[in-house]
C-alpha atoms as a PDB file:
ATOM      1  CA  MET A   1     -71.558  15.955 -14.166  1.00  0.00           C
ATOM      2  CA  MET A   2     -69.836  15.173 -10.884  1.00  0.00           C
ATOM      3  CA  GLU A   3     -66.567  16.895 -10.018  1.00  0.00           C
ATOM      4  CA  PRO A   4     -63.518  14.474  -9.743  1.00  0.00           C
ATOM      5  CA  THR A   5     -62.215  13.830  -6.377  1.00  0.00           C
ATOM      6  CA  PRO A   6     -59.055  15.534  -5.965  1.00  0.00           C
ATOM      7  CA  VAL A   7     -55.869  13.609  -5.424  1.00  0.00           C
ATOM      8  CA  PRO A   8     -54.073  14.398  -2.141  1.00  0.00           C
ATOM      9  CA  ASP A   9     -50.749  15.605  -2.178  1.00  0.00           C
ATOM     10  CA  LEU A  10     -48.327  12.775  -1.335  1.00  0.00           C
ATOM     11  CA  LYS A  11     -46.581  14.783   1.199  1.00  0.00           C
ATOM     12  CA  THR A  12     -49.821  15.050   3.059  1.00  0.00           C
ATOM     13  CA  ILE A  13     -50.667  11.505   2.921  1.00  0.00           C
ATOM     14  CA  ALA A  14     -47.404  10.730   4.354  1.00  0.00           C
ATOM     15  CA  THR A  15     -47.774  13.070   7.381  1.00  0.00           C
ATOM     16  CA  ASP A  16     -51.351  12.778   7.930  1.00  0.00           C
ATOM     17  CA  GLY A  17     -51.521   9.194   9.604  1.00  0.00           C
ATOM     18  CA  PHE A  18     -47.923   8.054   9.994  1.00  0.00           C
ATOM     19  CA  ARG A  19     -44.652   9.809  10.904  1.00  0.00           C
ATOM     20  CA  LEU A  20     -41.365   8.162  10.150  1.00  0.00           C
ATOM     21  CA  HIS A  21     -38.957   8.243  12.711  1.00  0.00           C
ATOM     22  CA  PRO A  22     -36.135  10.728  11.721  1.00  0.00           C
ATOM     23  CA  ASP A  23     -33.467   7.776  12.130  1.00  0.00           C
ATOM     24  CA  ASP A  24     -35.552   5.473  10.012  1.00  0.00           C
ATOM     25  CA  GLU A  25     -35.901   8.088   7.387  1.00  0.00           C
ATOM     26  CA  ALA A  26     -32.112   8.723   7.190  1.00  0.00           C
ATOM     27  CA  ALA A  27     -31.679   5.020   7.152  1.00  0.00           C
ATOM     28  CA  MET A  28     -33.980   4.726   3.912  1.00  0.00           C
ATOM     29  CA  ARG A  29     -32.209   7.753   2.329  1.00  0.00           C
ATOM     30  CA  GLU A  30     -28.891   6.002   2.805  1.00  0.00           C
ATOM     31  CA  GLU A  31     -30.466   2.685   1.506  1.00  0.00           C
ATOM     32  CA  VAL A  32     -31.811   4.433  -1.701  1.00  0.00           C
ATOM     33  CA  GLY A  33     -28.111   5.554  -2.245  1.00  0.00           C
ATOM     34  CA  HIS A  34     -26.912   2.345  -2.869  1.00  0.00           C
ATOM     35  CA  PHE A  35     -29.003   1.407  -5.807  1.00  0.00           C
ATOM     36  CA  GLU A  36     -29.398   2.892  -9.230  1.00  0.00           C
ATOM     37  CA  GLN A  37     -33.272   2.604  -9.206  1.00  0.00           C
ATOM     38  CA  PRO A  38     -35.126   3.748  -5.926  1.00  0.00           C
ATOM     39  CA  GLN A  39     -37.660   0.961  -6.123  1.00  0.00           C
ATOM     40  CA  ALA A  40     -34.797  -1.577  -5.194  1.00  0.00           C
ATOM     41  CA  ALA A  41     -34.772  -0.043  -1.631  1.00  0.00           C
ATOM     42  CA  CYS A  42     -38.526  -0.742  -1.061  1.00  0.00           C
ATOM     43  CA  ILE A  43     -37.721  -4.041   0.863  1.00  0.00           C
ATOM     44  CA  GLU A  44     -35.392  -2.444   3.054  1.00  0.00           C
ATOM     45  CA  ALA A  45     -37.408   0.379   3.763  1.00  0.00           C
ATOM     46  CA  LEU A  46     -40.152  -1.746   4.625  1.00  0.00           C
ATOM     47  CA  LYS A  47     -38.200  -3.808   6.896  1.00  0.00           C
ATOM     48  CA  ILE A  48     -36.819  -0.627   8.641  1.00  0.00           C
ATOM     49  CA  VAL A  49     -40.198   0.416   9.514  1.00  0.00           C
ATOM     50  CA  GLN A  50     -41.136  -3.123  10.480  1.00  0.00           C
ATOM     51  CA  ARG A  51     -38.073  -3.284  13.106  1.00  0.00           C
ATOM     52  CA  ARG A  52     -39.426  -0.227  14.758  1.00  0.00           C
ATOM     53  CA  HIS A  53     -42.853  -0.842  14.927  1.00  0.00           C
ATOM     54  CA  GLY A  54     -43.259  -4.586  14.592  1.00  0.00           C
ATOM     55  CA  TRP A  55     -45.377  -4.418  11.293  1.00  0.00           C
ATOM     56  CA  VAL A  56     -45.843  -2.077   8.532  1.00  0.00           C
ATOM     57  CA  PRO A  57     -49.184  -0.114   8.946  1.00  0.00           C
ATOM     58  CA  ASP A  58     -51.057   1.119   5.848  1.00  0.00           C
ATOM     59  CA  ASP A  59     -50.249   4.703   6.510  1.00  0.00           C
ATOM     60  CA  ALA A  60     -46.643   3.859   6.544  1.00  0.00           C
ATOM     61  CA  ILE A  61     -46.893   3.099   2.684  1.00  0.00           C
ATOM     62  CA  PRO A  62     -46.983   6.537   1.368  1.00  0.00           C
ATOM     63  CA  ALA A  63     -44.590   7.731   3.817  1.00  0.00           C
ATOM     64  CA  ILE A  64     -42.150   5.351   2.548  1.00  0.00           C
ATOM     65  CA  ALA A  65     -42.795   6.213  -1.052  1.00  0.00           C
ATOM     66  CA  ARG A  66     -42.004   9.785  -0.444  1.00  0.00           C
ATOM     67  CA  VAL A  67     -38.635   9.020   0.994  1.00  0.00           C
ATOM     68  CA  LEU A  68     -38.063   6.609  -1.897  1.00  0.00           C
ATOM     69  CA  ASN A  69     -39.717   9.010  -4.488  1.00  0.00           C
ATOM     70  CA  VAL A  70     -41.560   6.288  -6.040  1.00  0.00           C
ATOM     71  CA  GLY A  71     -45.761   5.676  -6.046  1.00  0.00           C
ATOM     72  CA  PRO A  72     -47.277   4.417  -3.160  1.00  0.00           C
ATOM     73  CA  ALA A  73     -48.537   1.333  -5.442  1.00  0.00           C
ATOM     74  CA  SER A  74     -44.710   0.218  -5.909  1.00  0.00           C
ATOM     75  CA  VAL A  75     -44.415   0.162  -2.220  1.00  0.00           C
ATOM     76  CA  GLU A  76     -47.720  -1.603  -1.564  1.00  0.00           C
ATOM     77  CA  GLY A  77     -47.039  -4.129  -4.200  1.00  0.00           C
ATOM     78  CA  VAL A  78     -43.734  -5.098  -2.601  1.00  0.00           C
ATOM     79  CA  ALA A  79     -45.253  -5.030   0.747  1.00  0.00           C
ATOM     80  CA  THR A  80     -48.106  -7.198  -0.228  1.00  0.00           C
ATOM     81  CA  PHE A  81     -45.639  -9.679  -2.216  1.00  0.00           C
ATOM     82  CA  TYR A  82     -43.334 -10.420   0.616  1.00  0.00           C
ATOM     83  CA  SER A  83     -44.669 -12.835   3.208  1.00  0.00           C
ATOM     84  CA  LEU A  84     -42.526 -11.571   5.939  1.00  0.00           C
ATOM     85  CA  ILE A  85     -43.531  -7.913   5.718  1.00  0.00           C
ATOM     86  CA  PHE A  86     -46.213  -7.837   8.328  1.00  0.00           C
ATOM     87  CA  ARG A  87     -49.236  -5.855   7.456  1.00  0.00           C
ATOM     88  CA  LYS A  88     -51.056  -6.341  10.962  1.00  0.00           C
ATOM     89  CA  PRO A  89     -49.762  -6.229  14.196  1.00  0.00           C
ATOM     90  CA  VAL A  90     -47.971  -9.526  15.391  1.00  0.00           C
ATOM     91  CA  GLY A  91     -46.801 -11.004  18.800  1.00  0.00           C
ATOM     92  CA  ARG A  92     -43.384  -9.944  20.199  1.00  0.00           C
ATOM     93  CA  HIS A  93     -42.031 -13.215  18.740  1.00  0.00           C
ATOM     94  CA  VAL A  94     -43.219 -14.633  15.203  1.00  0.00           C
ATOM     95  CA  ILE A  95     -42.822 -18.293  15.076  1.00  0.00           C
ATOM     96  CA  LEU A  96     -42.557 -19.429  11.157  1.00  0.00           C
ATOM     97  CA  VAL A  97     -43.157 -23.041  10.589  1.00  0.00           C
ATOM     98  CA  CYS A  98     -41.696 -24.253   7.438  1.00  0.00           C
ATOM     99  CA  ASP A  99     -44.057 -25.918   5.216  1.00  0.00           C
ATOM    100  CA  SER A 100     -41.613 -27.103   2.350  1.00  0.00           C
ATOM    101  CA  SER A 101     -41.877 -30.266   0.794  1.00  0.00           C
ATOM    102  CA  SER A 102     -38.784 -31.329   2.928  1.00  0.00           C
ATOM    103  CA  CYS A 103     -40.375 -30.378   6.151  1.00  0.00           C
ATOM    104  CA  PHE A 104     -43.673 -31.730   5.352  1.00  0.00           C
ATOM    105  CA  LEU A 105     -42.243 -35.008   4.705  1.00  0.00           C
ATOM    106  CA  THR A 106     -40.580 -35.027   7.883  1.00  0.00           C
ATOM    107  CA  GLY A 107     -43.567 -33.863  10.160  1.00  0.00           C
ATOM    108  CA  SER A 108     -44.201 -30.069   9.781  1.00  0.00           C
ATOM    109  CA  ASP A 109     -47.858 -30.757  10.257  1.00  0.00           C
ATOM    110  CA  GLN A 110     -47.405 -32.399  13.534  1.00  0.00           C
ATOM    111  CA  LEU A 111     -45.113 -29.540  14.439  1.00  0.00           C
ATOM    112  CA  ARG A 112     -47.753 -26.950  13.617  1.00  0.00           C
ATOM    113  CA  GLU A 113     -50.359 -29.019  15.433  1.00  0.00           C
ATOM    114  CA  ASN A 114     -48.172 -29.149  18.514  1.00  0.00           C
ATOM    115  CA  LEU A 115     -47.281 -25.491  18.389  1.00  0.00           C
ATOM    116  CA  ALA A 116     -50.912 -24.526  17.866  1.00  0.00           C
ATOM    117  CA  GLY A 117     -52.166 -26.642  20.657  1.00  0.00           C
ATOM    118  CA  ARG A 118     -49.411 -25.688  23.142  1.00  0.00           C
ATOM    119  CA  LEU A 119     -50.169 -21.838  22.363  1.00  0.00           C
ATOM    120  CA  GLY A 120     -53.946 -22.192  21.944  1.00  0.00           C
ATOM    121  CA  ILE A 121     -53.779 -20.285  18.716  1.00  0.00           C
ATOM    122  CA  GLY A 122     -54.023 -21.305  14.984  1.00  0.00           C
ATOM    123  CA  LEU A 123     -51.946 -20.222  11.864  1.00  0.00           C
ATOM    124  CA  GLY A 124     -52.212 -16.328  11.455  1.00  0.00           C
ATOM    125  CA  GLU A 125     -53.054 -15.775  15.017  1.00  0.00           C
ATOM    126  CA  THR A 126     -51.585 -14.289  17.989  1.00  0.00           C
ATOM    127  CA  THR A 127     -51.585 -15.399  21.632  1.00  0.00           C
ATOM    128  CA  ALA A 128     -54.077 -13.280  23.963  1.00  0.00           C
ATOM    129  CA  ASP A 129     -50.882 -12.059  25.656  1.00  0.00           C
ATOM    130  CA  GLY A 130     -49.285 -10.831  22.606  1.00  0.00           C
ATOM    131  CA  ARG A 131     -46.222 -13.236  23.149  1.00  0.00           C
ATOM    132  CA  PHE A 132     -46.206 -15.259  19.842  1.00  0.00           C
ATOM    133  CA  THR A 133     -47.773 -15.267  16.457  1.00  0.00           C
ATOM    134  CA  LEU A 134     -47.722 -18.480  14.467  1.00  0.00           C
ATOM    135  CA  LEU A 135     -47.369 -18.399  10.515  1.00  0.00           C
ATOM    136  CA  PRO A 136     -46.376 -20.713   7.803  1.00  0.00           C
ATOM    137  CA  VAL A 137     -43.289 -20.006   5.696  1.00  0.00           C
ATOM    138  CA  CYS A 138     -42.677 -21.882   2.332  1.00  0.00           C
ATOM    139  CA  CYS A 139     -39.029 -22.625   3.232  1.00  0.00           C
ATOM    140  CA  LEU A 140     -36.425 -21.881   5.808  1.00  0.00           C
ATOM    141  CA  GLY A 141     -33.530 -23.337   3.973  1.00  0.00           C
ATOM    142  CA  ALA A 142     -32.821 -25.786   6.784  1.00  0.00           C
ATOM    143  CA  CYS A 143     -33.947 -28.921   4.753  1.00  0.00           C
ATOM    144  CA  ASP A 144     -31.519 -31.065   6.429  1.00  0.00           C
ATOM    145  CA  GLY A 145     -33.135 -30.304   9.910  1.00  0.00           C
ATOM    146  CA  GLY A 146     -36.890 -30.958   9.235  1.00  0.00           C
ATOM    147  CA  PRO A 147     -39.309 -30.248  10.604  1.00  0.00           C
ATOM    148  CA  ALA A 148     -37.973 -26.647  11.153  1.00  0.00           C
ATOM    149  CA  MET A 149     -39.170 -23.629  12.771  1.00  0.00           C
ATOM    150  CA  MET A 150     -37.622 -20.086  13.090  1.00  0.00           C
ATOM    151  CA  ILE A 151     -38.251 -17.546  15.927  1.00  0.00           C
ATOM    152  CA  GLY A 152     -36.768 -14.177  15.350  1.00  0.00           C
ATOM    153  CA  ASP A 153     -33.331 -14.956  13.719  1.00  0.00           C
ATOM    154  CA  ASP A 154     -33.201 -18.340  15.458  1.00  0.00           C
ATOM    155  CA  VAL A 155     -33.696 -21.612  13.404  1.00  0.00           C
ATOM    156  CA  TYR A 156     -34.706 -24.843  15.040  1.00  0.00           C
ATOM    157  CA  GLY A 157     -34.844 -28.306  13.712  1.00  0.00           C
ATOM    158  CA  PRO A 158     -35.416 -30.957  13.751  1.00  0.00           C
ATOM    159  CA  VAL A 159     -38.064 -29.927  16.307  1.00  0.00           C
ATOM    160  CA  GLY A 160     -40.327 -32.674  18.224  1.00  0.00           C
ATOM    161  CA  ALA A 161     -43.103 -32.005  20.517  1.00  0.00           C
ATOM    162  CA  ASP A 162     -40.770 -32.457  23.655  1.00  0.00           C
ATOM    163  CA  ASP A 163     -38.503 -29.854  22.475  1.00  0.00           C
ATOM    164  CA  LEU A 164     -41.121 -27.038  22.167  1.00  0.00           C
ATOM    165  CA  PRO A 165     -41.512 -26.129  25.995  1.00  0.00           C
ATOM    166  CA  ASP A 166     -37.496 -25.238  26.286  1.00  0.00           C
ATOM    167  CA  ILE A 167     -37.459 -23.433  22.924  1.00  0.00           C
ATOM    168  CA  LEU A 168     -40.612 -21.444  23.848  1.00  0.00           C
ATOM    169  CA  GLU A 169     -39.421 -20.517  27.299  1.00  0.00           C
ATOM    170  CA  GLY A 170     -36.346 -18.758  25.813  1.00  0.00           C
ATOM    171  CA  TYR A 171     -38.763 -16.050  24.446  1.00  0.00           C
ATOM    172  CA  PRO A 172     -40.333 -14.136  27.243  1.00  0.00           C
END
């Protein structure tokens, strides 16, 4: 009979492959204090890691779980559910193209094609220089300005092909 594989200690997992920045760990602990259930701080904890690293590496999941005092599966579930938690490296600037019904009806397909052509990438890809990543998003809440896109915290819409050079130039 085979011996069961020992389950590694969570603290060992958290420190072997990824170390949280002390400021990030402190911010997560403060965030946990705002909620009755520590799982409620998962999204903010993931965003804290993403702000520092640009994405959330797999090894960060157990480190976050340790700080929140929840199981890694809970953190992983949240990280894989929310589309704006990036699980692989992305460009310095993430372009989100809205593909909601409103934006679709006003030309989001054409906007996406224009962006892809101008950047030389498809959805889910990053430019060779690491400047931009192009992703779809189900809604930006800019239905009155479709087709819409978002770069960082900046929402643009309606966006036409002629608008793209000036918009993109603002993101070195």
